[in-house]
Amino acid sequence: MEPHPSRLALDHPHRAEILAAHRAAVQAGEAGYLDPDTQLFVLTAAFLSKRGTCCGRGCRHCPYIE
């Protein structure tokens, strides 16, 4: 699942690295990954989908944003 462009710009300089880190975390069953640019912990779409609803905090991989 690709992040909404409002959460990760299509021209973000680290987009490919971020998406690769997200894929690796999902495949490993991890809740999140370290952002390669900021080193902040980012939750995966798989983890967020288990919540059942959007928390409204602007998560990068929110599966509930349209």
N, C-alpha and C. Protein backbone atom coordinates (compact mmCIF):
# COMPACT_ATOMS: atom_id res chain seq x y z
N MET A 1 0.84 -1.19 0.00
CA MET A 1 0.00 0.00 0.00
C MET A 1 0.88 1.25 0.00
N GLU A 2 0.68 2.09 -0.97
CA GLU A 2 1.43 3.33 -1.08
C GLU A 2 0.85 4.38 -0.14
N PRO A 3 1.70 5.16 0.53
CA PRO A 3 1.18 6.24 1.37
C PRO A 3 0.49 7.31 0.51
N HIS A 4 -0.51 7.94 1.08
CA HIS A 4 -1.18 9.04 0.40
C HIS A 4 -0.14 10.13 0.12
N PRO A 5 -0.20 10.78 -1.06
CA PRO A 5 0.77 11.83 -1.38
C PRO A 5 0.84 12.96 -0.37
N SER A 6 -0.24 13.19 0.38
CA SER A 6 -0.19 14.24 1.40
C SER A 6 0.65 13.81 2.60
N ARG A 7 0.93 12.51 2.71
CA ARG A 7 1.71 11.98 3.83
C ARG A 7 3.15 11.68 3.43
N LEU A 8 3.38 11.41 2.15
CA LEU A 8 4.73 11.18 1.62
C LEU A 8 4.71 11.64 0.17
N ALA A 9 5.28 12.80 -0.07
CA ALA A 9 5.25 13.40 -1.40
C ALA A 9 5.86 12.48 -2.45
N LEU A 10 5.27 12.52 -3.63
CA LEU A 10 5.76 11.69 -4.73
C LEU A 10 7.19 12.04 -5.11
N ASP A 11 7.60 13.28 -4.85
CA ASP A 11 8.96 13.70 -5.19
C ASP A 11 9.89 13.77 -3.96
N HIS A 12 9.49 13.14 -2.87
CA HIS A 12 10.33 13.13 -1.66
C HIS A 12 11.68 12.50 -2.03
N PRO A 13 12.78 13.13 -1.64
CA PRO A 13 14.10 12.62 -2.05
C PRO A 13 14.45 11.22 -1.52
N HIS A 14 13.78 10.77 -0.48
CA HIS A 14 14.07 9.45 0.09
C HIS A 14 12.89 8.49 -0.06
N ARG A 15 11.97 8.81 -0.96
CA ARG A 15 10.74 8.01 -1.13
C ARG A 15 11.04 6.53 -1.37
N ALA A 16 11.94 6.21 -2.28
CA ALA A 16 12.25 4.81 -2.59
C ALA A 16 12.80 4.09 -1.36
N GLU A 17 13.67 4.74 -0.61
CA GLU A 17 14.24 4.14 0.60
C GLU A 17 13.16 3.92 1.66
N ILE A 18 12.27 4.90 1.80
CA ILE A 18 11.20 4.82 2.79
C ILE A 18 10.26 3.66 2.45
N LEU A 19 9.87 3.56 1.19
CA LEU A 19 8.96 2.49 0.78
C LEU A 19 9.62 1.12 0.93
N ALA A 20 10.92 1.05 0.67
CA ALA A 20 11.64 -0.22 0.85
C ALA A 20 11.68 -0.60 2.33
N ALA A 21 11.91 0.38 3.20
CA ALA A 21 11.94 0.12 4.65
C ALA A 21 10.56 -0.33 5.13
N HIS A 22 9.52 0.29 4.60
CA HIS A 22 8.15 -0.09 4.97
C HIS A 22 7.87 -1.53 4.54
N ARG A 23 8.19 -1.86 3.29
CA ARG A 23 7.97 -3.23 2.79
C ARG A 23 8.70 -4.26 3.63
N ALA A 24 9.96 -3.97 3.96
CA ALA A 24 10.76 -4.90 4.77
C ALA A 24 10.14 -5.10 6.14
N ALA A 25 9.67 -4.03 6.76
CA ALA A 25 9.05 -4.14 8.09
C ALA A 25 7.76 -4.95 8.03
N VAL A 26 6.94 -4.73 7.00
CA VAL A 26 5.70 -5.48 6.86
C VAL A 26 6.01 -6.96 6.66
N GLN A 27 6.95 -7.26 5.76
CA GLN A 27 7.32 -8.65 5.50
C GLN A 27 7.86 -9.35 6.73
N ALA A 28 8.55 -8.60 7.59
CA ALA A 28 9.13 -9.17 8.80
C ALA A 28 8.12 -9.22 9.95
N GLY A 29 6.93 -8.67 9.73
CA GLY A 29 5.91 -8.66 10.78
C GLY A 29 6.20 -7.66 11.88
N GLU A 30 6.99 -6.65 11.58
CA GLU A 30 7.34 -5.62 12.57
C GLU A 30 6.30 -4.51 12.56
N ALA A 31 6.15 -3.84 13.69
CA ALA A 31 5.17 -2.77 13.83
C ALA A 31 5.56 -1.52 13.04
N GLY A 32 6.85 -1.34 12.81
CA GLY A 32 7.30 -0.15 12.11
C GLY A 32 8.75 -0.24 11.72
N TYR A 33 9.29 0.89 11.32
CA TYR A 33 10.67 0.97 10.84
C TYR A 33 11.24 2.34 11.17
N LEU A 34 12.55 2.47 11.11
CA LEU A 34 13.19 3.77 11.30
C LEU A 34 13.22 4.49 9.97
N ASP A 35 12.69 5.69 9.94
CA ASP A 35 12.72 6.49 8.72
C ASP A 35 14.17 6.74 8.33
N PRO A 36 14.56 6.41 7.09
CA PRO A 36 15.95 6.56 6.69
C PRO A 36 16.43 8.01 6.68
N ASP A 37 15.51 8.96 6.63
CA ASP A 37 15.86 10.37 6.59
C ASP A 37 15.93 10.98 7.99
N THR A 38 14.88 10.77 8.79
CA THR A 38 14.77 11.42 10.10
C THR A 38 15.17 10.55 11.27
N GLN A 39 15.24 9.24 11.04
CA GLN A 39 15.50 8.24 12.08
C GLN A 39 14.38 8.15 13.12
N LEU A 40 13.19 8.68 12.79
CA LEU A 40 12.03 8.53 13.64
C LEU A 40 11.37 7.18 13.36
N PHE A 41 10.70 6.60 14.36
CA PHE A 41 10.01 5.33 14.19
C PHE A 41 8.66 5.59 13.53
N VAL A 42 8.39 4.88 12.43
CA VAL A 42 7.17 5.06 11.65
C VAL A 42 6.39 3.74 11.66
N LEU A 43 5.11 3.80 12.01
CA LEU A 43 4.27 2.60 12.04
C LEU A 43 3.89 2.18 10.62
N THR A 44 3.78 0.88 10.41
CA THR A 44 3.41 0.36 9.10
C THR A 44 1.90 0.38 8.91
N ALA A 45 1.47 0.30 7.64
CA ALA A 45 0.05 0.23 7.32
C ALA A 45 -0.56 -1.03 7.92
N ALA A 46 0.19 -2.12 7.92
CA ALA A 46 -0.32 -3.38 8.49
C ALA A 46 -0.61 -3.21 9.97
N PHE A 47 0.29 -2.58 10.70
CA PHE A 47 0.08 -2.36 12.13
C PHE A 47 -1.11 -1.43 12.36
N LEU A 48 -1.16 -0.35 11.59
CA LEU A 48 -2.22 0.63 11.77
C LEU A 48 -3.60 0.07 11.42
N SER A 49 -3.65 -0.84 10.47
CA SER A 49 -4.94 -1.40 10.08
C SER A 49 -5.55 -2.23 11.20
N LYS A 50 -4.72 -2.75 12.09
CA LYS A 50 -5.22 -3.54 13.22
C LYS A 50 -5.97 -2.68 14.23
N ARG A 51 -5.75 -1.36 14.19
CA ARG A 51 -6.45 -0.45 15.10
C ARG A 51 -7.94 -0.40 14.81
N GLY A 52 -8.30 -0.50 13.53
CA GLY A 52 -9.70 -0.49 13.14
C GLY A 52 -10.23 0.86 12.72
N THR A 53 -9.58 1.95 13.14
CA THR A 53 -9.98 3.30 12.74
C THR A 53 -8.75 4.19 12.70
N CYS A 54 -8.92 5.33 12.07
CA CYS A 54 -7.84 6.33 12.01
C CYS A 54 -7.76 7.06 13.36
N CYS A 55 -6.54 7.27 13.82
CA CYS A 55 -6.35 7.97 15.10
C CYS A 55 -6.32 9.49 14.91
N GLY A 56 -6.20 9.94 13.65
CA GLY A 56 -6.21 11.37 13.37
C GLY A 56 -4.89 12.08 13.56
N ARG A 57 -3.81 11.32 13.74
CA ARG A 57 -2.51 11.94 14.01
C ARG A 57 -1.66 12.14 12.76
N GLY A 58 -2.17 11.78 11.60
CA GLY A 58 -1.43 12.02 10.36
C GLY A 58 -0.37 10.99 10.06
N CYS A 59 -0.58 9.75 10.47
CA CYS A 59 0.40 8.69 10.23
C CYS A 59 0.69 8.54 8.74
N ARG A 60 1.95 8.38 8.41
CA ARG A 60 2.39 8.28 7.01
C ARG A 60 1.68 7.16 6.26
N HIS A 61 1.55 6.00 6.87
CA HIS A 61 1.00 4.84 6.19
C HIS A 61 -0.44 4.53 6.59
N CYS A 62 -1.18 5.53 7.03
CA CYS A 62 -2.57 5.33 7.46
C CYS A 62 -3.39 4.65 6.37
N PRO A 63 -3.95 3.48 6.66
CA PRO A 63 -4.75 2.79 5.65
C PRO A 63 -6.18 3.36 5.54
N TYR A 64 -6.53 4.32 6.35
CA TYR A 64 -7.89 4.85 6.36
C TYR A 64 -8.03 6.17 5.63
N ILE A 65 -6.93 6.80 5.23
CA ILE A 65 -6.98 8.07 4.52
C ILE A 65 -7.31 7.81 3.06
N GLU A 66 -8.09 8.68 2.48
CA GLU A 66 -8.45 8.54 1.06
C GLU A 66 -7.71 9.52 0.23
